Amino acid sequence: MHAVDEEVLSRVHQWLIDGRSCWLATVIGTWGSSPRPVGSLLGCDRDGSIVGSLSGGCVEDDLLEKLTRGELAAERAQFFTYGVSAEESEKFGLPCGGSLLIVIEPLKPEPETVEHFAHMLERLTARQSVTRIVDLKAGSFAYRDVDQFKPLLWDEDQQLLEHTYGPRSQLFIIGAGMVSKYLAQMASNLDYRITVCDPRQHLLDDFDVPGVNLVADMPDDAVRAGASDSASAIVALTHDPRIDDMGLMEALKTDAFYIGAMGSSRTSANRRERLKQLDLSDAEIDRLHAPIGIAIGSKTPPEIAISILAEITAVRSGTSPARSLAAAAQTV
């Protein structure tokens, strides 16, 4: 889930707690080009407050006007399409003759609705997935806890929406040094939820990157508690094997999609030998990216951070970093 969509759920929940009726709109399909992907959320209330985005164009203003006038989703959830014609697409800022399919739900501040969204947020905070089921014909909604993320499902015939909310991609950084600062700053621009773990409190006190969750704990405990899912990338950057190895020992047993450790080739070889002595299997140790990052000749902390984030991005997208470099070289 993107940070902005998680913010939508949080704001909707707060509006309901405050006794304010509101609407939740979900992008369920697009035709042609669209600035926002399927699953994007927007929330708005009767006072005109808006959180989130559906298109990045003029759809939001027009939708709010229709909702407050009672022209859409006055009492029940409703399916609606923007941009059916090229003229409408241009009017609403949808490029290349695109169209936007959305479901809009009116929400009232009733106890069961408040609890419903509280549960959504609890699951996301715990880095777990949950599916919302919105039945437009019955005028009902429910949730179902699930083990993993699933693509959004819209059944037009049944007028049934199943939208799974999964945890945001997380970058879990072991060590609060200079490389970690640059990496955290860069990763925040890619919408990662960032956690920095270091048992050395004085280093955390100087870690001044906004929006980062700081954990003063041993990394094995912290990884076990909050970075064991498949939406997490874990990097060890302290250069202190007493800290890094403890975190890696736990990380290599998790479902994290990326695990890396900073150090030279010699340092990395020695680390692998130490990990073998900690009863990790060859298959587990083979998951480790070390030396960390793509080989771009990086020397300075920001250059190292770029190489790390590039490799994480490649692994996350299912692309081999080696193939990426070869392809790039052929285009130069």
Protein backbone atom coordinates (compact mmCIF):
# COMPACT_ATOMS: atom_id res chain seq x y z
CA MET A 1 0.00 0.00 0.00
CA HIS A 2 1.19 3.51 -0.75
CA ALA A 3 1.57 5.93 2.16
CA VAL A 4 -1.09 8.26 0.77
CA ASP A 5 -3.68 5.45 0.68
CA GLU A 6 -2.89 4.42 4.25
CA GLU A 7 -3.35 8.08 5.19
CA VAL A 8 -6.79 8.01 3.55
CA LEU A 9 -7.90 5.10 5.74
CA SER A 10 -6.54 6.83 8.83
CA ARG A 11 -8.33 10.10 8.06
CA VAL A 12 -11.62 8.34 7.25
CA HIS A 13 -11.38 6.49 10.55
CA GLN A 14 -10.78 9.75 12.42
CA TRP A 15 -13.72 11.45 10.70
CA LEU A 16 -15.96 8.59 11.78
CA ILE A 17 -14.65 8.75 15.36
CA ASP A 18 -15.43 12.48 15.34
CA GLY A 19 -19.02 11.74 14.26
CA ARG A 20 -18.59 13.05 10.70
CA SER A 21 -20.14 11.30 7.70
CA CYS A 22 -17.82 10.91 4.72
CA TRP A 23 -17.16 9.03 1.50
CA LEU A 24 -14.47 6.60 0.42
CA ALA A 25 -13.72 6.28 -3.31
CA THR A 26 -11.62 3.45 -4.79
CA VAL A 27 -10.13 3.22 -8.28
CA ILE A 28 -11.26 -0.19 -9.54
CA GLY A 29 -10.18 0.08 -13.18
CA THR A 30 -8.61 2.32 -15.80
CA TRP A 31 -8.63 2.52 -19.59
CA GLY A 32 -5.80 4.23 -21.43
CA SER A 33 -3.37 6.24 -19.33
CA SER A 34 -4.07 7.04 -15.70
CA PRO A 35 -1.93 8.99 -13.21
CA ARG A 36 -3.02 6.73 -10.30
CA PRO A 37 -3.07 2.93 -10.23
CA VAL A 38 -5.96 0.58 -9.55
CA GLY A 39 -6.61 0.42 -5.80
CA SER A 40 -5.89 4.11 -5.18
CA LEU A 41 -8.10 5.73 -2.54
CA LEU A 42 -9.69 9.11 -1.91
CA GLY A 43 -11.65 10.24 1.13
CA CYS A 44 -13.77 13.35 1.53
CA ASP A 45 -16.30 14.72 3.99
CA ARG A 46 -19.34 16.98 3.69
CA ASP A 47 -17.24 20.05 4.59
CA GLY A 48 -15.13 19.63 1.47
CA SER A 49 -12.02 18.18 3.10
CA ILE A 50 -10.18 15.77 0.79
CA VAL A 51 -7.40 13.27 1.42
CA GLY A 52 -5.80 11.09 -1.23
CA SER A 53 -6.11 11.25 -4.99
CA LEU A 54 -7.83 9.41 -7.84
CA SER A 55 -6.40 11.09 -10.91
CA GLY A 56 -4.17 14.06 -10.14
CA GLY A 57 -6.48 16.08 -12.43
CA CYS A 58 -9.90 17.65 -12.08
CA VAL A 59 -11.78 14.49 -11.13
CA GLU A 60 -11.45 15.18 -7.41
CA ASP A 61 -13.15 18.58 -7.53
CA ASP A 62 -15.95 17.32 -9.77
CA LEU A 63 -16.50 14.24 -7.60
CA LEU A 64 -16.70 16.31 -4.43
CA GLU A 65 -19.27 18.58 -6.07
CA LYS A 66 -21.42 15.63 -7.15
CA LEU A 67 -21.23 14.04 -3.71
CA THR A 68 -22.13 17.15 -1.73
CA ARG A 69 -25.04 17.85 -4.10
CA GLY A 70 -26.37 14.36 -3.52
CA GLU A 71 -25.92 13.31 -7.16
CA LEU A 72 -23.72 10.31 -6.32
CA ALA A 73 -23.65 7.72 -3.52
CA ALA A 74 -26.18 9.56 -1.42
CA GLU A 75 -27.28 6.49 0.55
CA ARG A 76 -25.57 3.44 -0.99
CA ALA A 77 -22.24 2.59 -2.57
CA GLN A 78 -22.20 3.32 -6.29
CA PHE A 79 -20.14 2.46 -9.37
CA PHE A 80 -19.19 5.44 -11.56
CA THR A 81 -17.04 6.07 -14.65
CA TYR A 82 -15.13 9.22 -15.55
CA GLY A 83 -13.92 9.90 -19.06
CA VAL A 84 -16.27 7.84 -21.23
CA SER A 85 -15.69 10.16 -24.17
CA ALA A 86 -12.50 11.86 -25.37
CA GLU A 87 -14.14 15.20 -24.52
CA GLU A 88 -14.78 14.15 -20.92
CA SER A 89 -11.27 12.71 -20.63
CA GLU A 90 -9.80 16.05 -21.65
CA LYS A 91 -12.14 17.91 -19.32
CA PHE A 92 -11.10 15.85 -16.30
CA GLY A 93 -7.40 15.75 -17.05
CA LEU A 94 -7.26 12.07 -18.01
CA PRO A 95 -4.51 11.75 -20.65
CA CYS A 96 -4.73 9.92 -23.99
CA GLY A 97 -8.49 9.51 -23.91
CA GLY A 98 -8.34 7.48 -20.70
CA SER A 99 -11.19 6.66 -18.36
CA LEU A 100 -11.40 6.02 -14.64
CA LEU A 101 -13.70 3.47 -12.99
CA ILE A 102 -14.44 4.07 -9.32
CA VAL A 103 -16.61 2.79 -6.48
CA ILE A 104 -17.85 5.44 -4.05
CA GLU A 105 -19.09 4.46 -0.59
CA PRO A 106 -21.05 6.72 1.77
CA LEU A 107 -19.92 6.09 5.35
CA LYS A 108 -21.81 7.02 8.49
CA PRO A 109 -20.23 7.35 11.97
CA GLU A 110 -21.83 4.19 13.34
CA PRO A 111 -20.02 1.87 15.80
CA GLU A 112 -19.68 -1.02 13.35
CA THR A 113 -18.22 1.30 10.68
CA VAL A 114 -15.71 2.77 13.13
CA GLU A 115 -14.68 -0.74 14.18
CA HIS A 116 -14.39 -1.82 10.56
CA PHE A 117 -11.79 0.83 9.72
CA ALA A 118 -10.05 0.42 13.07
CA HIS A 119 -9.48 -3.21 12.14
CA MET A 120 -8.07 -2.22 8.72
CA LEU A 121 -5.53 0.05 10.37
CA GLU A 122 -4.63 -2.51 13.05
CA ARG A 123 -3.81 -5.07 10.37
CA LEU A 124 -1.66 -2.61 8.44
CA THR A 125 0.16 -1.49 11.59
CA ALA A 126 0.94 -5.15 12.31
CA ARG A 127 2.16 -5.50 8.66
CA GLN A 128 -0.60 -7.96 7.85
CA SER A 129 -3.09 -8.06 4.98
CA VAL A 130 -6.85 -7.71 5.07
CA THR A 131 -9.50 -7.81 2.33
CA ARG A 132 -12.48 -5.45 2.24
CA ILE A 133 -15.59 -6.85 0.60
CA VAL A 134 -18.05 -4.21 -0.65
CA ASP A 135 -21.37 -5.53 -1.95
CA LEU A 136 -23.05 -2.73 -3.88
CA LYS A 137 -26.29 -4.68 -4.42
CA ALA A 138 -26.72 -5.52 -0.75
CA GLY A 139 -25.38 -2.16 0.42
CA SER A 140 -22.96 -3.85 2.80
CA PHE A 141 -19.26 -4.13 3.55
CA ALA A 142 -17.17 -6.58 5.54
CA TYR A 143 -13.55 -7.64 6.02
CA ARG A 144 -11.64 -10.89 5.81
CA ASP A 145 -8.14 -11.34 7.23
CA VAL A 146 -5.80 -12.93 4.67
CA ASP A 147 -2.23 -14.19 4.72
CA GLN A 148 -0.96 -12.34 1.67
CA PHE A 149 -1.70 -9.52 -0.69
CA LYS A 150 -4.04 -10.20 -3.64
CA PRO A 151 -4.90 -8.01 -6.65
CA LEU A 152 -8.12 -6.00 -6.51
CA LEU A 153 -11.15 -7.90 -7.82
CA TRP A 154 -14.21 -6.17 -9.30
CA ASP A 155 -17.18 -8.26 -10.44
CA GLU A 156 -19.37 -5.90 -12.45
CA ASP A 157 -22.21 -8.41 -12.84
CA GLN A 158 -22.42 -9.06 -9.11
CA GLN A 159 -21.47 -5.46 -8.27
CA LEU A 160 -18.93 -6.87 -5.81
CA LEU A 161 -15.57 -5.32 -4.87
CA GLU A 162 -12.82 -7.25 -3.07
CA HIS A 163 -9.88 -4.99 -2.25
CA THR A 164 -6.92 -6.35 -0.31
CA TYR A 165 -4.89 -3.88 1.72
CA GLY A 166 -1.33 -5.01 2.32
CA PRO A 167 1.51 -3.44 4.28
CA ARG A 168 3.65 -0.75 2.69
CA SER A 169 7.06 -1.85 1.49
CA GLN A 170 9.45 -1.45 4.40
CA LEU A 171 13.16 -0.75 4.46
CA PHE A 172 14.64 -2.02 7.71
CA ILE A 173 18.11 -0.55 8.26
CA ILE A 174 20.50 -1.97 10.84
CA GLY A 175 22.81 0.83 11.91
CA ALA A 176 22.37 4.58 12.22
CA GLY A 177 25.49 5.76 10.39
CA MET A 178 26.03 8.16 7.50
CA VAL A 179 25.17 5.69 4.71
CA SER A 180 21.96 4.86 6.58
CA LYS A 181 20.97 8.53 6.63
CA TYR A 182 21.36 8.94 2.87
CA LEU A 183 19.63 5.63 2.21
CA ALA A 184 16.68 6.58 4.44
CA GLN A 185 16.32 9.97 2.73
CA MET A 186 16.33 8.41 -0.74
CA ALA A 187 14.03 5.52 0.14
CA SER A 188 11.46 7.87 1.62
CA ASN A 189 10.99 9.34 -1.86
CA LEU A 190 10.05 5.84 -3.07
CA ASP A 191 7.31 5.56 -0.43
CA TYR A 192 9.08 3.02 1.81
CA ARG A 193 8.18 2.76 5.46
CA ILE A 194 11.62 3.13 7.04
CA THR A 195 12.83 1.67 10.32
CA VAL A 196 16.35 2.22 11.63
CA CYS A 197 17.51 -0.12 14.37
CA ASP A 198 20.66 0.43 16.43
CA PRO A 199 21.36 -0.51 20.04
CA ARG A 200 23.66 2.52 20.30
CA GLN A 201 21.29 5.21 21.53
CA HIS A 202 23.72 8.10 20.94
CA LEU A 203 23.70 7.36 17.19
CA LEU A 204 19.91 7.25 17.08
CA ASP A 205 19.82 10.60 18.89
CA ASP A 206 21.71 12.14 15.96
CA PHE A 207 19.61 10.46 13.26
CA ASP A 208 17.61 13.44 12.05
CA VAL A 209 15.84 12.06 8.95
CA PRO A 210 12.11 12.93 9.24
CA GLY A 211 9.47 10.21 9.27
CA VAL A 212 11.83 7.37 10.24
CA ASN A 213 10.89 4.89 12.96
CA LEU A 214 13.88 4.60 15.33
CA VAL A 215 14.35 1.42 17.38
CA ALA A 216 16.96 1.21 20.15
CA ASP A 217 17.13 -2.58 20.36
CA MET A 218 19.26 -5.51 19.28
CA PRO A 219 18.51 -6.13 15.60
CA ASP A 220 17.55 -9.81 15.90
CA ASP A 221 14.71 -8.95 18.27
CA ALA A 222 13.64 -5.98 16.14
CA VAL A 223 13.67 -7.99 12.89
CA ARG A 224 11.62 -10.73 14.50
CA ALA A 225 9.10 -8.21 15.81
CA GLY A 226 8.64 -6.01 12.76
CA ALA A 227 10.46 -6.98 9.56
CA SER A 228 9.78 -10.65 8.87
CA ASP A 229 7.25 -10.25 6.04
CA SER A 230 7.69 -10.44 2.28
CA ALA A 231 7.21 -6.68 1.86
CA SER A 232 10.39 -5.91 3.82
CA ALA A 233 13.96 -5.27 2.70
CA ILE A 234 16.62 -5.62 5.41
CA VAL A 235 20.11 -4.10 5.19
CA ALA A 236 22.98 -4.33 7.69
CA LEU A 237 25.21 -1.25 7.56
CA THR A 238 27.04 -0.96 10.90
CA HIS A 239 30.39 -2.58 9.96
CA ASP A 240 30.22 -4.14 13.43
CA PRO A 241 29.78 -7.93 13.13
CA ARG A 242 28.49 -8.13 16.69
CA ILE A 243 25.48 -6.10 15.57
CA ASP A 244 25.17 -6.93 11.87
CA ASP A 245 25.52 -10.70 12.29
CA MET A 246 22.80 -10.84 14.92
CA GLY A 247 20.39 -9.07 12.63
CA LEU A 248 21.34 -11.14 9.59
CA MET A 249 21.05 -14.39 11.55
CA GLU A 250 17.37 -13.60 12.06
CA ALA A 251 16.77 -11.81 8.74
CA LEU A 252 17.88 -14.77 6.61
CA LYS A 253 15.15 -16.89 8.18
CA THR A 254 12.39 -14.43 7.29
CA ASP A 255 10.30 -13.88 4.14
CA ALA A 256 11.99 -10.51 3.47
CA PHE A 257 12.33 -9.98 -0.29
CA TYR A 258 15.85 -8.51 0.03
CA ILE A 259 18.64 -8.94 2.59
CA GLY A 260 22.00 -7.21 2.18
CA ALA A 261 25.11 -6.37 4.17
CA MET A 262 27.78 -3.74 3.59
CA GLY A 263 31.43 -4.70 3.37
CA SER A 264 34.21 -5.67 0.97
CA SER A 265 34.40 -9.02 -0.81
CA ARG A 266 36.78 -10.30 1.85
CA THR A 267 34.58 -9.03 4.68
CA SER A 268 31.55 -10.62 3.02
CA ALA A 269 33.32 -13.98 2.66
CA ASN A 270 34.28 -13.92 6.35
CA ARG A 271 30.71 -13.03 7.26
CA ARG A 272 29.36 -16.02 5.35
CA GLU A 273 31.72 -18.30 7.26
CA ARG A 274 30.52 -16.84 10.56
CA LEU A 275 26.89 -17.31 9.53
CA LYS A 276 27.57 -20.97 8.76
CA GLN A 277 28.83 -21.37 12.31
CA LEU A 278 25.50 -19.93 13.52
CA ASP A 279 23.70 -22.95 12.01
CA LEU A 280 22.31 -21.17 8.99
CA SER A 281 21.90 -23.36 5.91
CA ASP A 282 23.67 -22.72 2.61
CA ALA A 283 20.29 -21.87 1.05
CA GLU A 284 19.64 -19.25 3.71
CA ILE A 285 23.11 -17.73 3.37
CA ASP A 286 22.77 -17.65 -0.43
CA ARG A 287 19.93 -15.15 -0.02
CA LEU A 288 22.41 -12.56 1.26
CA HIS A 289 23.43 -9.74 -1.09
CA ALA A 290 27.01 -9.05 -0.05
CA PRO A 291 28.87 -6.99 -0.97
CA ILE A 292 25.70 -4.95 -0.97
CA GLY A 293 24.49 -2.87 -3.90
CA ILE A 294 25.10 -2.69 -7.63
CA ALA A 295 28.73 -2.17 -8.68
CA ILE A 296 28.74 1.43 -9.91
CA GLY A 297 32.12 2.43 -8.51
CA SER A 298 30.49 4.06 -5.48
CA LYS A 299 32.83 5.55 -2.86
CA THR A 300 30.98 8.23 -0.92
CA PRO A 301 28.02 7.56 1.44
CA PRO A 302 25.39 8.96 -0.97
CA GLU A 303 26.86 6.96 -3.87
CA ILE A 304 26.78 3.79 -1.77
CA ALA A 305 23.17 4.54 -0.82
CA ILE A 306 22.26 4.91 -4.51
CA SER A 307 23.84 1.55 -5.36
CA ILE A 308 21.98 -0.17 -2.49
CA LEU A 309 18.63 1.31 -3.40
CA ALA A 310 19.15 0.45 -7.08
CA GLU A 311 19.74 -3.21 -6.21
CA ILE A 312 16.73 -3.30 -3.88
CA THR A 313 14.59 -1.79 -6.64
CA ALA A 314 15.80 -4.37 -9.15
CA VAL A 315 15.11 -7.29 -6.81
CA ARG A 316 11.71 -5.88 -5.85
CA SER A 317 10.69 -5.66 -9.51
CA GLY A 318 11.97 -9.15 -10.27
CA THR A 319 14.82 -7.89 -12.46
CA SER A 320 18.37 -9.17 -12.16
CA PRO A 321 20.75 -6.28 -11.36
CA ALA A 322 23.39 -7.89 -13.59
CA ARG A 323 20.97 -8.03 -16.52
CA SER A 324 19.93 -4.45 -15.85
CA LEU A 325 23.52 -3.23 -16.07
CA ALA A 326 24.16 -5.24 -19.25
CA ALA A 327 21.03 -3.87 -20.88
CA ALA A 328 21.95 -0.32 -19.90
CA ALA A 329 25.46 -0.74 -21.33
CA GLN A 330 24.04 -1.87 -24.67
CA THR A 331 21.93 1.27 -24.97
CA VAL A 332 24.81 3.70 -24.37
